[in-house]
């Protein structure tokens, strides 16, 4: 079974992994109602099945400041990509985009990946991987081995990030990966 983004986020949250929760919307009216329960700014993402790299296809609109911006963004996106979408509160502020993921290797089974996210994931590929399950201390050793590790301590006046929280999330994801892979 393949979960969609909304279902995947719910599963992660159920396993104690922090996620920015979203609400499913299917039309402009449900988008406006969902936004009323959130604090602006909001993020609108397409939820049409089968779309990979949503940003590249214009399927992500960030930092929508009010209802009029949401209306315009949803109207345009739904015409191009379809009506199914997700709406969530915009998380912003200083920080560094990090990535956690799970891949399945034919020889080893589930592997948990952790590293630098965003454009760094595809260009620099600064990631580490480990067999699940593992403890936060193992995740910390992996994080400490990343090439760009020093950025996490704060760089050029940027604040340090909460590496321990990232490592705790990685350990929780490794437990989920082990359960889903039948290891435990």
C-alpha atoms as a PDB file:
ATOM      1  CA  UNK A   1       0.000   0.000   0.000  1.00  0.00           C
ATOM      2  CA  UNK A   2       1.285   3.448  -0.881  1.00  0.00           C
ATOM      3  CA  UNK A   3       0.267   6.245   1.442  1.00  0.00           C
ATOM      4  CA  UNK A   4      -0.298   9.748   0.165  1.00  0.00           C
ATOM      5  CA  UNK A   5       1.469  12.707   1.767  1.00  0.00           C
ATOM      6  CA  UNK A   6      -1.343  13.402   4.228  1.00  0.00           C
ATOM      7  CA  UNK A   7      -1.585   9.767   5.351  1.00  0.00           C
ATOM      8  CA  UNK A   8       2.211   9.537   5.595  1.00  0.00           C
ATOM      9  CA  UNK A   9       2.320  12.611   7.820  1.00  0.00           C
ATOM     10  CA  UNK A  10      -0.327  11.125  10.096  1.00  0.00           C
ATOM     11  CA  UNK A  11       1.635   7.867  10.391  1.00  0.00           C
ATOM     12  CA  UNK A  12       4.830   9.777  11.217  1.00  0.00           C
ATOM     13  CA  UNK A  13       3.014  11.824  13.864  1.00  0.00           C
ATOM     14  CA  UNK A  14       1.555   8.641  15.356  1.00  0.00           C
ATOM     15  CA  UNK A  15       5.127   7.376  15.765  1.00  0.00           C
ATOM     16  CA  UNK A  16       6.188  10.540  17.589  1.00  0.00           C
ATOM     17  CA  UNK A  17       7.983  12.120  14.644  1.00  0.00           C
ATOM     18  CA  UNK A  18       7.355  15.876  14.459  1.00  0.00           C
ATOM     19  CA  UNK A  19       5.484  16.933  11.314  1.00  0.00           C
ATOM     20  CA  UNK A  20       3.743  20.055  10.127  1.00  0.00           C
ATOM     21  CA  UNK A  21       0.183  18.778   9.976  1.00  0.00           C
ATOM     22  CA  UNK A  22      -1.962  19.507   6.960  1.00  0.00           C
ATOM     23  CA  UNK A  23      -5.613  19.450   6.082  1.00  0.00           C
ATOM     24  CA  UNK A  24      -7.017  17.923   2.909  1.00  0.00           C
ATOM     25  CA  UNK A  25      -9.024  20.210   0.697  1.00  0.00           C
ATOM     26  CA  UNK A  26     -10.997  19.425  -2.444  1.00  0.00           C
ATOM     27  CA  UNK A  27     -12.372  22.805  -3.479  1.00  0.00           C
ATOM     28  CA  UNK A  28     -12.020  26.514  -2.825  1.00  0.00           C
ATOM     29  CA  UNK A  29     -14.664  26.517  -0.105  1.00  0.00           C
ATOM     30  CA  UNK A  30     -12.890  23.808   1.899  1.00  0.00           C
ATOM     31  CA  UNK A  31      -9.611  25.708   1.468  1.00  0.00           C
ATOM     32  CA  UNK A  32     -11.137  28.862   2.951  1.00  0.00           C
ATOM     33  CA  UNK A  33     -12.698  26.901   5.845  1.00  0.00           C
ATOM     34  CA  UNK A  34      -9.413  25.083   6.573  1.00  0.00           C
ATOM     35  CA  UNK A  35      -7.456  28.340   6.486  1.00  0.00           C
ATOM     36  CA  UNK A  36      -9.842  29.873   9.016  1.00  0.00           C
ATOM     37  CA  UNK A  37      -8.621  27.266  11.505  1.00  0.00           C
ATOM     38  CA  UNK A  38      -4.977  28.014  10.787  1.00  0.00           C
ATOM     39  CA  UNK A  39      -2.874  31.055  11.410  1.00  0.00           C
ATOM     40  CA  UNK A  40      -1.708  32.851   8.257  1.00  0.00           C
ATOM     41  CA  UNK A  41       0.643  32.580   6.471  1.00  0.00           C
ATOM     42  CA  UNK A  42      -0.255  29.184   4.996  1.00  0.00           C
ATOM     43  CA  UNK A  43       1.180  26.725   2.502  1.00  0.00           C
ATOM     44  CA  UNK A  44      -0.861  25.229  -0.322  1.00  0.00           C
ATOM     45  CA  UNK A  45       0.340  22.010  -1.985  1.00  0.00           C
ATOM     46  CA  UNK A  46      -1.231  19.922  -4.683  1.00  0.00           C
ATOM     47  CA  UNK A  47      -2.345  16.481  -3.527  1.00  0.00           C
ATOM     48  CA  UNK A  48      -3.067  15.067  -6.958  1.00  0.00           C
ATOM     49  CA  UNK A  49      -1.823  11.460  -7.063  1.00  0.00           C
ATOM     50  CA  UNK A  50       1.270  10.610  -9.064  1.00  0.00           C
ATOM     51  CA  UNK A  51       2.920  14.024  -9.041  1.00  0.00           C
ATOM     52  CA  UNK A  52       6.564  13.895  -8.023  1.00  0.00           C
ATOM     53  CA  UNK A  53       8.621  17.043  -7.445  1.00  0.00           C
ATOM     54  CA  UNK A  54       5.564  19.172  -6.816  1.00  0.00           C
ATOM     55  CA  UNK A  55       7.615  22.354  -6.628  1.00  0.00           C
ATOM     56  CA  UNK A  56       8.998  21.818 -10.141  1.00  0.00           C
ATOM     57  CA  UNK A  57       5.423  21.536 -11.445  1.00  0.00           C
ATOM     58  CA  UNK A  58       4.175  24.660  -9.685  1.00  0.00           C
ATOM     59  CA  UNK A  59       2.323  22.570  -7.127  1.00  0.00           C
ATOM     60  CA  UNK A  60       3.563  24.331  -3.996  1.00  0.00           C
ATOM     61  CA  UNK A  61       2.688  27.875  -2.986  1.00  0.00           C
ATOM     62  CA  UNK A  62       4.425  29.193   0.107  1.00  0.00           C
ATOM     63  CA  UNK A  63       3.754  32.085   2.431  1.00  0.00           C
ATOM     64  CA  UNK A  64       0.174  32.880   1.424  1.00  0.00           C
ATOM     65  CA  UNK A  65      -0.617  35.843   3.660  1.00  0.00           C
ATOM     66  CA  UNK A  66      -4.400  36.096   3.556  1.00  0.00           C
ATOM     67  CA  UNK A  67      -7.626  34.750   2.081  1.00  0.00           C
ATOM     68  CA  UNK A  68      -7.279  36.666  -1.180  1.00  0.00           C
ATOM     69  CA  UNK A  69      -3.813  35.183  -1.823  1.00  0.00           C
ATOM     70  CA  UNK A  70      -5.129  31.724  -0.951  1.00  0.00           C
ATOM     71  CA  UNK A  71      -8.089  32.134  -3.314  1.00  0.00           C
ATOM     72  CA  UNK A  72      -5.849  33.180  -6.199  1.00  0.00           C
ATOM     73  CA  UNK A  73      -3.286  30.442  -5.582  1.00  0.00           C
ATOM     74  CA  UNK A  74      -5.868  27.672  -5.221  1.00  0.00           C
ATOM     75  CA  UNK A  75      -7.824  28.803  -8.297  1.00  0.00           C
ATOM     76  CA  UNK A  76      -4.696  28.824 -10.463  1.00  0.00           C
ATOM     77  CA  UNK A  77      -3.259  25.571  -9.098  1.00  0.00           C
ATOM     78  CA  UNK A  78      -6.512  23.621  -9.288  1.00  0.00           C
ATOM     79  CA  UNK A  79      -7.030  24.609 -12.926  1.00  0.00           C
ATOM     80  CA  UNK A  80      -3.567  23.308 -13.884  1.00  0.00           C
ATOM     81  CA  UNK A  81      -3.115  20.326 -11.565  1.00  0.00           C
ATOM     82  CA  UNK A  82      -6.554  19.376 -10.259  1.00  0.00           C
ATOM     83  CA  UNK A  83      -8.611  20.206  -7.176  1.00  0.00           C
ATOM     84  CA  UNK A  84      -7.020  17.948  -4.537  1.00  0.00           C
ATOM     85  CA  UNK A  85      -4.668  19.873  -2.268  1.00  0.00           C
ATOM     86  CA  UNK A  86      -3.223  20.136   1.224  1.00  0.00           C
ATOM     87  CA  UNK A  87      -3.192  23.242   3.368  1.00  0.00           C
ATOM     88  CA  UNK A  88      -0.934  23.819   6.365  1.00  0.00           C
ATOM     89  CA  UNK A  89       0.537  26.574   8.474  1.00  0.00           C
ATOM     90  CA  UNK A  90       3.728  28.074   7.044  1.00  0.00           C
ATOM     91  CA  UNK A  91       6.726  27.182   9.189  1.00  0.00           C
ATOM     92  CA  UNK A  92       9.385  29.831   8.869  1.00  0.00           C
ATOM     93  CA  UNK A  93      12.329  31.275  10.639  1.00  0.00           C
ATOM     94  CA  UNK A  94      16.007  30.574  10.829  1.00  0.00           C
ATOM     95  CA  UNK A  95      17.171  27.025  10.384  1.00  0.00           C
ATOM     96  CA  UNK A  96      18.653  24.542   7.992  1.00  0.00           C
ATOM     97  CA  UNK A  97      16.610  22.180   5.874  1.00  0.00           C
ATOM     98  CA  UNK A  98      17.361  18.608   6.838  1.00  0.00           C
ATOM     99  CA  UNK A  99      16.092  15.353   5.393  1.00  0.00           C
ATOM    100  CA  UNK A 100      15.036  12.024   6.827  1.00  0.00           C
ATOM    101  CA  UNK A 101      13.991   9.148   4.617  1.00  0.00           C
ATOM    102  CA  UNK A 102      13.717   5.424   4.241  1.00  0.00           C
ATOM    103  CA  UNK A 103      14.778   3.407   1.208  1.00  0.00           C
ATOM    104  CA  UNK A 104      14.622  -0.300   0.607  1.00  0.00           C
ATOM    105  CA  UNK A 105      17.844  -2.022  -0.439  1.00  0.00           C
ATOM    106  CA  UNK A 106      17.492  -5.489  -1.978  1.00  0.00           C
ATOM    107  CA  UNK A 107      20.385  -6.841   0.078  1.00  0.00           C
ATOM    108  CA  UNK A 108      19.973  -5.043   3.403  1.00  0.00           C
ATOM    109  CA  UNK A 109      16.260  -4.216   3.535  1.00  0.00           C
ATOM    110  CA  UNK A 110      15.189  -0.889   5.007  1.00  0.00           C
ATOM    111  CA  UNK A 111      17.826   1.811   5.366  1.00  0.00           C
ATOM    112  CA  UNK A 112      17.254   5.148   7.068  1.00  0.00           C
ATOM    113  CA  UNK A 113      18.790   8.155   5.338  1.00  0.00           C
ATOM    114  CA  UNK A 114      19.545  11.392   7.114  1.00  0.00           C
ATOM    115  CA  UNK A 115      21.308  14.474   5.880  1.00  0.00           C
ATOM    116  CA  UNK A 116      21.001  17.926   4.408  1.00  0.00           C
ATOM    117  CA  UNK A 117      17.760  18.536   2.536  1.00  0.00           C
ATOM    118  CA  UNK A 118      16.419  20.875  -0.092  1.00  0.00           C
ATOM    119  CA  UNK A 119      18.688  21.534  -3.029  1.00  0.00           C
ATOM    120  CA  UNK A 120      21.529  20.086  -0.977  1.00  0.00           C
ATOM    121  CA  UNK A 121      19.929  16.639  -1.167  1.00  0.00           C
ATOM    122  CA  UNK A 122      20.271  16.530  -4.953  1.00  0.00           C
ATOM    123  CA  UNK A 123      23.389  18.623  -5.516  1.00  0.00           C
ATOM    124  CA  UNK A 124      25.751  17.859  -2.667  1.00  0.00           C
ATOM    125  CA  UNK A 125      24.241  14.555  -1.515  1.00  0.00           C
ATOM    126  CA  UNK A 126      25.505  14.973   2.010  1.00  0.00           C
ATOM    127  CA  UNK A 127      23.688  12.024   3.571  1.00  0.00           C
ATOM    128  CA  UNK A 128      24.389   9.099   5.866  1.00  0.00           C
ATOM    129  CA  UNK A 129      22.470   5.852   6.163  1.00  0.00           C
ATOM    130  CA  UNK A 130      22.054   3.115   8.747  1.00  0.00           C
ATOM    131  CA  UNK A 131      20.161  -0.095   9.315  1.00  0.00           C
ATOM    132  CA  UNK A 132      17.177   0.350  11.617  1.00  0.00           C
ATOM    133  CA  UNK A 133      16.430   0.398  14.421  1.00  0.00           C
ATOM    134  CA  UNK A 134      18.978   2.659  16.054  1.00  0.00           C
ATOM    135  CA  UNK A 135      19.171   4.964  19.040  1.00  0.00           C
ATOM    136  CA  UNK A 136      19.520   8.759  19.026  1.00  0.00           C
ATOM    137  CA  UNK A 137      23.236   8.331  19.880  1.00  0.00           C
ATOM    138  CA  UNK A 138      23.779   6.450  16.614  1.00  0.00           C
ATOM    139  CA  UNK A 139      21.885   9.141  14.736  1.00  0.00           C
ATOM    140  CA  UNK A 140      24.131  11.733  16.372  1.00  0.00           C
ATOM    141  CA  UNK A 141      27.263   9.892  15.194  1.00  0.00           C
ATOM    142  CA  UNK A 142      25.826   9.834  11.681  1.00  0.00           C
ATOM    143  CA  UNK A 143      24.965  13.537  11.803  1.00  0.00           C
ATOM    144  CA  UNK A 144      28.406  14.379  13.143  1.00  0.00           C
ATOM    145  CA  UNK A 145      29.922  12.628  10.109  1.00  0.00           C
ATOM    146  CA  UNK A 146      28.125  14.779   7.521  1.00  0.00           C
ATOM    147  CA  UNK A 147      30.395  16.953   5.378  1.00  0.00           C
ATOM    148  CA  UNK A 148      28.468  20.135   6.157  1.00  0.00           C
ATOM    149  CA  UNK A 149      28.049  19.319   9.850  1.00  0.00           C
ATOM    150  CA  UNK A 150      29.533  22.616  11.008  1.00  0.00           C
ATOM    151  CA  UNK A 151      26.546  24.479   9.530  1.00  0.00           C
ATOM    152  CA  UNK A 152      24.361  22.928  12.216  1.00  0.00           C
ATOM    153  CA  UNK A 153      26.331  24.755  14.917  1.00  0.00           C
ATOM    154  CA  UNK A 154      25.429  28.131  13.438  1.00  0.00           C
ATOM    155  CA  UNK A 155      27.336  29.894  10.719  1.00  0.00           C
ATOM    156  CA  UNK A 156      27.875  33.602  10.029  1.00  0.00           C
ATOM    157  CA  UNK A 157      25.544  34.683  12.786  1.00  0.00           C
ATOM    158  CA  UNK A 158      22.878  32.019  12.176  1.00  0.00           C
ATOM    159  CA  UNK A 159      21.664  30.258  15.314  1.00  0.00           C
ATOM    160  CA  UNK A 160      22.628  26.667  16.007  1.00  0.00           C
ATOM    161  CA  UNK A 161      19.960  24.102  15.204  1.00  0.00           C
ATOM    162  CA  UNK A 162      18.570  21.513  17.596  1.00  0.00           C
ATOM    163  CA  UNK A 163      20.655  18.543  16.474  1.00  0.00           C
ATOM    164  CA  UNK A 164      19.365  16.406  19.338  1.00  0.00           C
ATOM    165  CA  UNK A 165      15.756  16.858  18.186  1.00  0.00           C
ATOM    166  CA  UNK A 166      16.747  15.898  14.638  1.00  0.00           C
ATOM    167  CA  UNK A 167      18.562  12.801  15.917  1.00  0.00           C
ATOM    168  CA  UNK A 168      15.603  11.829  18.105  1.00  0.00           C
ATOM    169  CA  UNK A 169      13.317  12.084  15.057  1.00  0.00           C
ATOM    170  CA  UNK A 170      15.761   9.957  13.045  1.00  0.00           C
ATOM    171  CA  UNK A 171      15.737   7.295  15.765  1.00  0.00           C
ATOM    172  CA  UNK A 172      11.910   7.299  15.835  1.00  0.00           C
ATOM    173  CA  UNK A 173      11.859   6.961  12.035  1.00  0.00           C
ATOM    174  CA  UNK A 174      14.289   4.055  12.293  1.00  0.00           C
ATOM    175  CA  UNK A 175      11.899   2.305  14.664  1.00  0.00           C
ATOM    176  CA  UNK A 176       9.029   2.809  12.229  1.00  0.00           C
ATOM    177  CA  UNK A 177      11.206   1.545   9.347  1.00  0.00           C
ATOM    178  CA  UNK A 178      12.133  -1.564  11.337  1.00  0.00           C
ATOM    179  CA  UNK A 179       8.496  -2.282  12.142  1.00  0.00           C
ATOM    180  CA  UNK A 180       7.382  -1.815   8.529  1.00  0.00           C
ATOM    181  CA  UNK A 181      10.287  -3.945   7.279  1.00  0.00           C
ATOM    182  CA  UNK A 182       9.410  -6.733   9.709  1.00  0.00           C
ATOM    183  CA  UNK A 183      12.708  -6.482  11.570  1.00  0.00           C
ATOM    184  CA  UNK A 184      10.888  -6.037  14.878  1.00  0.00           C
END
